[in-house]
Amino acid sequence: MHYTFAKIKILNFFFSVVLFICMGCSKDNNSNPNCNFLVNLNVFTSLNLNLSQYNQLTFPNNPVYVPNEGNGGIIVNNTGTGFVAFDAADPNHIFSNCSVLSINGLEGVCGCNDANKYSLFTGQPLENSELQCGLKAYFVEINGNTLFVSN
């Protein structure tokens, strides 16, 4: 009977440790609860850099807008050390026609009255320090002359 009690204590300890670890995990990768205006849509697209509409990505600092992906399209940029891709919808607005960003040099600019600006290198807000959300980033993988953008 003492042997069974020891097994139960070990199993209780094991389950307590597993429960403690699981409680520390979160399914929500977004640490700011105010950043919930964009929908988590599946994104998987390929961009052939040999095509004229994507060829400028072979040179650093020439961002390209790709429509019909994500919430408001995606913006892809060659930073010189790699590629980044962001959702082209302003994450600090409820999605609307004006919240789709336009490219102005190396900035994404919201078309709404506040004209929020974001870095197309980091996705972080520029000028307005009160903005709580940076641009929604996507993974970019390169294989030969093709970029694969996904989440």
N, C-alpha and C. Protein backbone atom coordinates (compact mmCIF):
# COMPACT_ATOMS: atom_id res chain seq x y z
N MET A 1 0.82 -1.18 0.00
CA MET A 1 0.00 0.00 0.00
C MET A 1 0.87 1.25 0.00
N HIS A 2 1.97 1.24 0.71
CA HIS A 2 2.89 2.37 0.74
C HIS A 2 3.47 2.61 -0.66
N TYR A 3 3.72 1.54 -1.40
CA TYR A 3 4.24 1.63 -2.76
C TYR A 3 3.23 2.34 -3.67
N THR A 4 1.96 2.07 -3.57
CA THR A 4 0.92 2.68 -4.37
C THR A 4 0.78 4.17 -4.03
N PHE A 5 0.89 4.50 -2.75
CA PHE A 5 0.80 5.89 -2.33
C PHE A 5 1.95 6.70 -2.93
N ALA A 6 3.15 6.16 -3.01
CA ALA A 6 4.31 6.84 -3.61
C ALA A 6 4.08 7.08 -5.10
N LYS A 7 3.49 6.10 -5.78
CA LYS A 7 3.19 6.27 -7.21
C LYS A 7 2.18 7.40 -7.42
N ILE A 8 1.17 7.45 -6.56
CA ILE A 8 0.16 8.49 -6.67
C ILE A 8 0.77 9.86 -6.44
N LYS A 9 1.67 9.99 -5.48
CA LYS A 9 2.34 11.27 -5.21
C LYS A 9 3.17 11.71 -6.42
N ILE A 10 3.85 10.77 -7.04
CA ILE A 10 4.68 11.09 -8.22
C ILE A 10 3.78 11.51 -9.37
N LEU A 11 2.68 10.79 -9.59
CA LEU A 11 1.75 11.15 -10.66
C LEU A 11 1.12 12.51 -10.40
N ASN A 12 0.73 12.78 -9.17
CA ASN A 12 0.17 14.10 -8.84
C ASN A 12 1.18 15.20 -9.10
N PHE A 13 2.43 14.98 -8.73
CA PHE A 13 3.48 15.97 -8.98
C PHE A 13 3.65 16.19 -10.48
N PHE A 14 3.71 15.09 -11.25
CA PHE A 14 3.87 15.18 -12.69
C PHE A 14 2.73 15.97 -13.33
N PHE A 15 1.48 15.65 -12.97
CA PHE A 15 0.33 16.36 -13.53
C PHE A 15 0.30 17.82 -13.10
N SER A 16 0.76 18.11 -11.90
CA SER A 16 0.82 19.50 -11.44
C SER A 16 1.81 20.31 -12.28
N VAL A 17 2.95 19.70 -12.58
CA VAL A 17 3.96 20.38 -13.40
C VAL A 17 3.41 20.62 -14.81
N VAL A 18 2.78 19.61 -15.41
CA VAL A 18 2.22 19.74 -16.75
C VAL A 18 1.14 20.81 -16.77
N LEU A 19 0.27 20.82 -15.77
CA LEU A 19 -0.79 21.82 -15.69
C LEU A 19 -0.21 23.22 -15.55
N PHE A 20 0.82 23.37 -14.74
CA PHE A 20 1.47 24.67 -14.56
C PHE A 20 2.07 25.17 -15.88
N ILE A 21 2.71 24.29 -16.62
CA ILE A 21 3.31 24.67 -17.91
C ILE A 21 2.22 25.05 -18.90
N CYS A 22 1.15 24.27 -18.96
CA CYS A 22 0.06 24.56 -19.90
C CYS A 22 -0.64 25.87 -19.57
N MET A 23 -0.76 26.21 -18.31
CA MET A 23 -1.42 27.45 -17.93
C MET A 23 -0.60 28.66 -18.37
N GLY A 24 0.70 28.49 -18.50
CA GLY A 24 1.56 29.58 -18.93
C GLY A 24 1.53 29.81 -20.43
N CYS A 25 0.99 28.87 -21.17
CA CYS A 25 0.92 28.99 -22.62
C CYS A 25 -0.33 29.74 -23.01
N SER A 26 -0.24 30.45 -24.13
CA SER A 26 -1.38 31.22 -24.61
C SER A 26 -1.55 30.98 -26.09
N LYS A 27 -2.79 30.87 -26.54
CA LYS A 27 -3.06 30.73 -27.97
C LYS A 27 -3.02 32.08 -28.66
N ASP A 28 -3.13 33.16 -27.91
CA ASP A 28 -3.16 34.50 -28.49
C ASP A 28 -1.76 35.07 -28.54
N ASN A 29 -1.19 35.19 -29.74
CA ASN A 29 0.15 35.72 -29.90
C ASN A 29 0.17 37.23 -29.84
N ASN A 30 -0.99 37.86 -29.83
CA ASN A 30 -1.06 39.30 -29.82
C ASN A 30 -1.15 39.76 -28.38
N SER A 31 -0.07 40.36 -27.86
CA SER A 31 -0.03 40.72 -26.45
C SER A 31 -0.86 41.94 -26.12
N ASN A 32 -1.27 42.72 -27.09
CA ASN A 32 -2.06 43.90 -26.84
C ASN A 32 -3.52 43.63 -27.21
N PRO A 33 -4.41 43.62 -26.21
CA PRO A 33 -5.81 43.30 -26.51
C PRO A 33 -6.50 44.36 -27.38
N ASN A 34 -5.90 45.54 -27.53
CA ASN A 34 -6.49 46.59 -28.36
C ASN A 34 -6.21 46.38 -29.84
N CYS A 35 -5.34 45.45 -30.17
CA CYS A 35 -4.96 45.21 -31.57
C CYS A 35 -5.80 44.06 -32.14
N ASN A 36 -7.09 44.32 -32.30
CA ASN A 36 -7.97 43.25 -32.76
C ASN A 36 -8.88 43.68 -33.90
N PHE A 37 -8.47 44.69 -34.65
CA PHE A 37 -9.31 45.15 -35.76
C PHE A 37 -9.16 44.28 -37.01
N LEU A 38 -8.03 43.60 -37.16
CA LEU A 38 -7.80 42.81 -38.37
C LEU A 38 -8.17 41.35 -38.14
N VAL A 39 -8.70 40.72 -39.17
CA VAL A 39 -9.10 39.33 -39.12
C VAL A 39 -7.88 38.47 -39.46
N ASN A 40 -7.75 37.33 -38.79
CA ASN A 40 -6.66 36.41 -39.10
C ASN A 40 -7.07 35.55 -40.30
N LEU A 41 -6.73 36.03 -41.48
CA LEU A 41 -7.04 35.32 -42.72
C LEU A 41 -5.84 34.49 -43.14
N ASN A 42 -6.09 33.35 -43.76
CA ASN A 42 -4.99 32.55 -44.29
C ASN A 42 -4.38 33.26 -45.49
N VAL A 43 -3.09 33.42 -45.45
CA VAL A 43 -2.37 34.05 -46.55
C VAL A 43 -1.30 33.08 -47.03
N PHE A 44 -1.31 32.82 -48.30
CA PHE A 44 -0.23 32.06 -48.94
C PHE A 44 -0.21 32.48 -50.40
N THR A 45 0.81 33.23 -50.75
CA THR A 45 0.94 33.68 -52.13
C THR A 45 2.40 33.59 -52.54
N SER A 46 2.62 33.47 -53.83
CA SER A 46 3.99 33.44 -54.35
C SER A 46 4.16 34.61 -55.32
N LEU A 47 5.33 35.21 -55.25
CA LEU A 47 5.66 36.35 -56.11
C LEU A 47 6.90 35.99 -56.91
N ASN A 48 6.74 35.90 -58.21
CA ASN A 48 7.86 35.59 -59.10
C ASN A 48 8.59 36.90 -59.40
N LEU A 49 9.82 37.02 -58.92
CA LEU A 49 10.59 38.26 -59.09
C LEU A 49 10.99 38.52 -60.53
N ASN A 50 10.80 37.54 -61.42
CA ASN A 50 11.08 37.76 -62.84
C ASN A 50 9.93 38.50 -63.53
N LEU A 51 8.75 38.54 -62.90
CA LEU A 51 7.62 39.25 -63.50
C LEU A 51 7.76 40.74 -63.25
N SER A 52 7.32 41.53 -64.20
CA SER A 52 7.53 42.99 -64.13
C SER A 52 6.89 43.63 -62.90
N GLN A 53 5.73 43.15 -62.44
CA GLN A 53 5.08 43.78 -61.30
C GLN A 53 5.81 43.53 -59.98
N TYR A 54 6.72 42.54 -59.95
CA TYR A 54 7.47 42.24 -58.72
C TYR A 54 8.96 42.43 -58.89
N ASN A 55 9.42 42.76 -60.10
CA ASN A 55 10.84 42.89 -60.37
C ASN A 55 11.52 43.95 -59.51
N GLN A 56 10.82 45.01 -59.14
CA GLN A 56 11.46 46.06 -58.33
C GLN A 56 11.86 45.54 -56.95
N LEU A 57 11.34 44.38 -56.54
CA LEU A 57 11.74 43.80 -55.25
C LEU A 57 13.16 43.22 -55.30
N THR A 58 13.74 43.12 -56.48
CA THR A 58 15.12 42.64 -56.56
C THR A 58 16.10 43.72 -56.10
N PHE A 59 15.60 44.94 -55.92
CA PHE A 59 16.41 46.05 -55.43
C PHE A 59 15.90 46.48 -54.06
N PRO A 60 16.80 46.81 -53.15
CA PRO A 60 16.36 47.24 -51.81
C PRO A 60 15.52 48.52 -51.86
N ASN A 61 14.61 48.61 -50.90
CA ASN A 61 13.82 49.82 -50.64
C ASN A 61 12.86 50.20 -51.76
N ASN A 62 12.26 49.21 -52.40
CA ASN A 62 11.23 49.42 -53.42
C ASN A 62 10.01 48.59 -53.07
N PRO A 63 9.23 48.99 -52.06
CA PRO A 63 8.09 48.18 -51.65
C PRO A 63 7.05 48.02 -52.75
N VAL A 64 6.36 46.88 -52.71
CA VAL A 64 5.35 46.53 -53.70
C VAL A 64 4.05 46.19 -52.98
N TYR A 65 2.95 46.70 -53.50
CA TYR A 65 1.62 46.37 -52.99
C TYR A 65 1.07 45.19 -53.77
N VAL A 66 0.57 44.18 -53.06
CA VAL A 66 -0.03 43.01 -53.68
C VAL A 66 -1.50 42.97 -53.24
N PRO A 67 -2.44 43.21 -54.16
CA PRO A 67 -3.86 43.23 -53.79
C PRO A 67 -4.43 41.83 -53.55
N ASN A 68 -5.60 41.81 -52.96
CA ASN A 68 -6.39 40.59 -52.79
C ASN A 68 -5.75 39.53 -51.90
N GLU A 69 -4.95 39.95 -50.97
CA GLU A 69 -4.35 39.05 -49.98
C GLU A 69 -4.53 39.70 -48.61
N GLY A 70 -4.66 38.90 -47.58
CA GLY A 70 -4.81 39.45 -46.23
C GLY A 70 -6.07 40.29 -46.10
N ASN A 71 -6.03 41.27 -45.21
CA ASN A 71 -7.18 42.14 -44.98
C ASN A 71 -7.28 43.23 -46.04
N GLY A 72 -6.17 43.91 -46.30
CA GLY A 72 -6.19 45.03 -47.24
C GLY A 72 -5.16 44.90 -48.33
N GLY A 73 -4.78 43.67 -48.65
CA GLY A 73 -3.64 43.44 -49.54
C GLY A 73 -2.41 43.29 -48.67
N ILE A 74 -1.27 43.07 -49.29
CA ILE A 74 -0.01 43.00 -48.53
C ILE A 74 1.00 43.93 -49.18
N ILE A 75 1.92 44.40 -48.36
CA ILE A 75 3.04 45.21 -48.84
C ILE A 75 4.31 44.43 -48.56
N VAL A 76 5.11 44.21 -49.60
CA VAL A 76 6.36 43.45 -49.49
C VAL A 76 7.50 44.41 -49.76
N ASN A 77 8.56 44.29 -48.97
CA ASN A 77 9.72 45.17 -49.13
C ASN A 77 11.01 44.37 -49.01
N ASN A 78 11.97 44.70 -49.85
CA ASN A 78 13.33 44.18 -49.76
C ASN A 78 14.10 45.17 -48.91
N THR A 79 14.51 44.77 -47.71
CA THR A 79 15.20 45.68 -46.78
C THR A 79 16.69 45.78 -47.07
N GLY A 80 17.18 44.99 -47.99
CA GLY A 80 18.61 44.95 -48.26
C GLY A 80 19.26 43.78 -47.55
N THR A 81 18.67 43.33 -46.46
CA THR A 81 19.18 42.16 -45.74
C THR A 81 18.18 41.00 -45.76
N GLY A 82 17.04 41.22 -46.36
CA GLY A 82 16.00 40.21 -46.44
C GLY A 82 14.69 40.86 -46.88
N PHE A 83 13.65 40.08 -46.84
CA PHE A 83 12.33 40.57 -47.26
C PHE A 83 11.39 40.60 -46.06
N VAL A 84 10.50 41.59 -46.04
CA VAL A 84 9.45 41.68 -45.05
C VAL A 84 8.13 41.85 -45.77
N ALA A 85 7.05 41.41 -45.14
CA ALA A 85 5.71 41.57 -45.70
C ALA A 85 4.75 41.93 -44.58
N PHE A 86 3.89 42.89 -44.85
CA PHE A 86 2.91 43.35 -43.87
C PHE A 86 1.54 43.43 -44.51
N ASP A 87 0.52 43.24 -43.68
CA ASP A 87 -0.84 43.47 -44.15
C ASP A 87 -0.97 44.96 -44.44
N ALA A 88 -1.62 45.30 -45.52
CA ALA A 88 -1.74 46.71 -45.92
C ALA A 88 -2.93 47.40 -45.28
N ALA A 89 -3.55 46.78 -44.30
CA ALA A 89 -4.65 47.43 -43.57
C ALA A 89 -4.10 48.02 -42.28
N ASP A 90 -4.52 49.23 -41.96
CA ASP A 90 -4.10 49.90 -40.73
C ASP A 90 -4.67 49.13 -39.54
N PRO A 91 -3.81 48.59 -38.67
CA PRO A 91 -4.29 47.79 -37.54
C PRO A 91 -4.91 48.63 -36.43
N ASN A 92 -4.84 49.95 -36.53
CA ASN A 92 -5.39 50.83 -35.51
C ASN A 92 -6.76 51.37 -35.90
N HIS A 93 -7.37 50.77 -36.94
CA HIS A 93 -8.70 51.17 -37.41
C HIS A 93 -9.57 49.95 -37.65
N ILE A 94 -10.86 50.13 -37.52
CA ILE A 94 -11.79 49.14 -38.04
C ILE A 94 -11.60 49.16 -39.56
N PHE A 95 -11.54 47.99 -40.18
CA PHE A 95 -11.24 47.94 -41.61
C PHE A 95 -12.30 48.69 -42.42
N SER A 96 -11.81 49.52 -43.32
CA SER A 96 -12.66 50.27 -44.25
C SER A 96 -11.82 50.61 -45.48
N ASN A 97 -12.44 51.21 -46.49
CA ASN A 97 -11.69 51.59 -47.69
C ASN A 97 -10.55 52.54 -47.36
N CYS A 98 -10.76 53.47 -46.43
CA CYS A 98 -9.71 54.45 -46.14
C CYS A 98 -8.57 53.87 -45.31
N SER A 99 -8.79 52.72 -44.65
CA SER A 99 -7.74 52.18 -43.79
C SER A 99 -6.69 51.36 -44.53
N VAL A 100 -6.86 51.19 -45.84
CA VAL A 100 -5.84 50.48 -46.64
C VAL A 100 -4.68 51.44 -46.87
N LEU A 101 -3.48 50.98 -46.56
CA LEU A 101 -2.30 51.83 -46.66
C LEU A 101 -1.88 52.04 -48.11
N SER A 102 -1.34 53.21 -48.36
CA SER A 102 -0.68 53.47 -49.64
C SER A 102 0.81 53.56 -49.36
N ILE A 103 1.60 53.32 -50.37
CA ILE A 103 3.06 53.37 -50.22
C ILE A 103 3.54 54.76 -50.55
N ASN A 104 4.26 55.36 -49.62
CA ASN A 104 4.87 56.67 -49.81
C ASN A 104 6.34 56.53 -49.45
N GLY A 105 7.17 56.23 -50.43
CA GLY A 105 8.59 55.96 -50.15
C GLY A 105 8.72 54.69 -49.36
N LEU A 106 9.25 54.80 -48.15
CA LEU A 106 9.41 53.64 -47.28
C LEU A 106 8.43 53.65 -46.12
N GLU A 107 7.31 54.36 -46.33
CA GLU A 107 6.27 54.43 -45.33
C GLU A 107 4.95 53.93 -45.91
N GLY A 108 4.16 53.28 -45.07
CA GLY A 108 2.78 52.95 -45.40
C GLY A 108 1.91 54.00 -44.75
N VAL A 109 1.04 54.65 -45.52
CA VAL A 109 0.22 55.75 -45.02
C VAL A 109 -1.25 55.39 -45.13
N CYS A 110 -1.94 55.53 -44.01
CA CYS A 110 -3.38 55.27 -43.95
C CYS A 110 -4.13 56.39 -44.67
N GLY A 111 -5.17 56.05 -45.41
CA GLY A 111 -5.95 57.04 -46.15
C GLY A 111 -7.03 57.72 -45.33
N CYS A 112 -7.19 57.32 -44.07
CA CYS A 112 -8.21 57.95 -43.22
C CYS A 112 -7.71 59.32 -42.75
N ASN A 113 -8.57 60.09 -42.10
CA ASN A 113 -8.26 61.46 -41.69
C ASN A 113 -7.00 61.58 -40.83
N ASP A 114 -6.72 60.57 -40.00
CA ASP A 114 -5.54 60.68 -39.12
C ASP A 114 -4.24 60.40 -39.86
N ALA A 115 -4.29 59.80 -41.04
CA ALA A 115 -3.12 59.53 -41.88
C ALA A 115 -1.99 58.86 -41.10
N ASN A 116 -2.32 57.81 -40.36
CA ASN A 116 -1.29 57.07 -39.62
C ASN A 116 -0.19 56.60 -40.57
N LYS A 117 1.05 56.66 -40.08
CA LYS A 117 2.19 56.25 -40.91
C LYS A 117 2.94 55.12 -40.22
N TYR A 118 3.43 54.19 -41.05
CA TYR A 118 4.14 53.01 -40.54
C TYR A 118 5.42 52.79 -41.34
N SER A 119 6.44 52.30 -40.66
CA SER A 119 7.69 51.94 -41.32
C SER A 119 7.48 50.66 -42.12
N LEU A 120 7.94 50.65 -43.37
CA LEU A 120 7.86 49.44 -44.18
C LEU A 120 9.11 48.58 -44.02
N PHE A 121 9.96 48.94 -43.04
CA PHE A 121 11.07 48.09 -42.63
C PHE A 121 10.67 47.26 -41.42
N THR A 122 10.06 47.91 -40.43
CA THR A 122 9.76 47.26 -39.16
C THR A 122 8.27 47.03 -38.92
N GLY A 123 7.41 47.77 -39.61
CA GLY A 123 5.98 47.68 -39.38
C GLY A 123 5.51 48.52 -38.21
N GLN A 124 6.41 49.23 -37.57
CA GLN A 124 6.06 50.03 -36.39
C GLN A 124 5.50 51.39 -36.79
N PRO A 125 4.61 51.95 -35.94
CA PRO A 125 4.05 53.28 -36.22
C PRO A 125 5.13 54.35 -36.22
N LEU A 126 4.95 55.36 -37.05
CA LEU A 126 5.86 56.50 -37.11
C LEU A 126 5.09 57.75 -36.68
N GLU A 127 5.75 58.67 -36.09
CA GLU A 127 5.23 60.00 -35.72
C GLU A 127 4.22 59.98 -34.59
N ASN A 128 3.24 59.12 -34.59
CA ASN A 128 2.21 59.13 -33.56
C ASN A 128 2.53 58.05 -32.52
N SER A 129 3.08 58.46 -31.39
CA SER A 129 3.51 57.51 -30.36
C SER A 129 2.33 56.90 -29.61
N GLU A 130 1.12 57.39 -29.84
CA GLU A 130 -0.04 56.85 -29.14
C GLU A 130 -0.66 55.64 -29.85
N LEU A 131 -0.22 55.35 -31.05
CA LEU A 131 -0.73 54.18 -31.76
C LEU A 131 -0.26 52.93 -31.03
N GLN A 132 -1.18 52.02 -30.77
CA GLN A 132 -0.86 50.85 -29.97
C GLN A 132 -0.45 49.63 -30.79
N CYS A 133 -0.76 49.63 -32.07
CA CYS A 133 -0.56 48.43 -32.88
C CYS A 133 0.37 48.69 -34.06
N GLY A 134 1.31 47.79 -34.25
CA GLY A 134 2.15 47.82 -35.44
C GLY A 134 1.48 47.02 -36.55
N LEU A 135 2.02 47.10 -37.75
CA LEU A 135 1.45 46.37 -38.88
C LEU A 135 1.52 44.86 -38.64
N LYS A 136 0.52 44.16 -39.15
CA LYS A 136 0.48 42.70 -39.06
C LYS A 136 1.51 42.14 -40.03
N ALA A 137 2.48 41.40 -39.50
CA ALA A 137 3.57 40.86 -40.31
C ALA A 137 3.25 39.46 -40.81
N TYR A 138 3.80 39.13 -41.97
CA TYR A 138 3.70 37.79 -42.54
C TYR A 138 5.10 37.24 -42.74
N PHE A 139 5.19 35.92 -42.84
CA PHE A 139 6.47 35.25 -43.10
C PHE A 139 6.80 35.37 -44.58
N VAL A 140 8.08 35.57 -44.87
CA VAL A 140 8.54 35.61 -46.26
C VAL A 140 9.68 34.61 -46.39
N GLU A 141 9.56 33.75 -47.39
CA GLU A 141 10.59 32.77 -47.68
C GLU A 141 10.95 32.92 -49.14
N ILE A 142 12.24 32.84 -49.44
CA ILE A 142 12.67 32.96 -50.83
C ILE A 142 13.22 31.63 -51.29
N ASN A 143 12.83 31.25 -52.52
CA ASN A 143 13.32 30.04 -53.14
C ASN A 143 13.62 30.38 -54.59
N GLY A 144 14.88 30.53 -54.91
CA GLY A 144 15.27 30.95 -56.26
C GLY A 144 14.82 32.36 -56.49
N ASN A 145 14.03 32.58 -57.53
CA ASN A 145 13.50 33.91 -57.85
C ASN A 145 12.04 34.07 -57.42
N THR A 146 11.60 33.24 -56.49
CA THR A 146 10.22 33.30 -56.03
C THR A 146 10.16 33.56 -54.54
N LEU A 147 9.32 34.53 -54.16
CA LEU A 147 9.05 34.79 -52.75
C LEU A 147 7.75 34.10 -52.38
N PHE A 148 7.71 33.46 -51.22
CA PHE A 148 6.49 32.87 -50.70
C PHE A 148 6.12 33.64 -49.44
N VAL A 149 4.92 34.22 -49.44
CA VAL A 149 4.44 35.02 -48.31
C VAL A 149 3.30 34.24 -47.68
N SER A 150 3.37 34.04 -46.36
CA SER A 150 2.34 33.26 -45.67
C SER A 150 2.26 33.68 -44.21
N ASN A 151 1.27 33.12 -43.53
CA ASN A 151 1.19 33.33 -42.09
C ASN A 151 1.20 31.99 -41.39
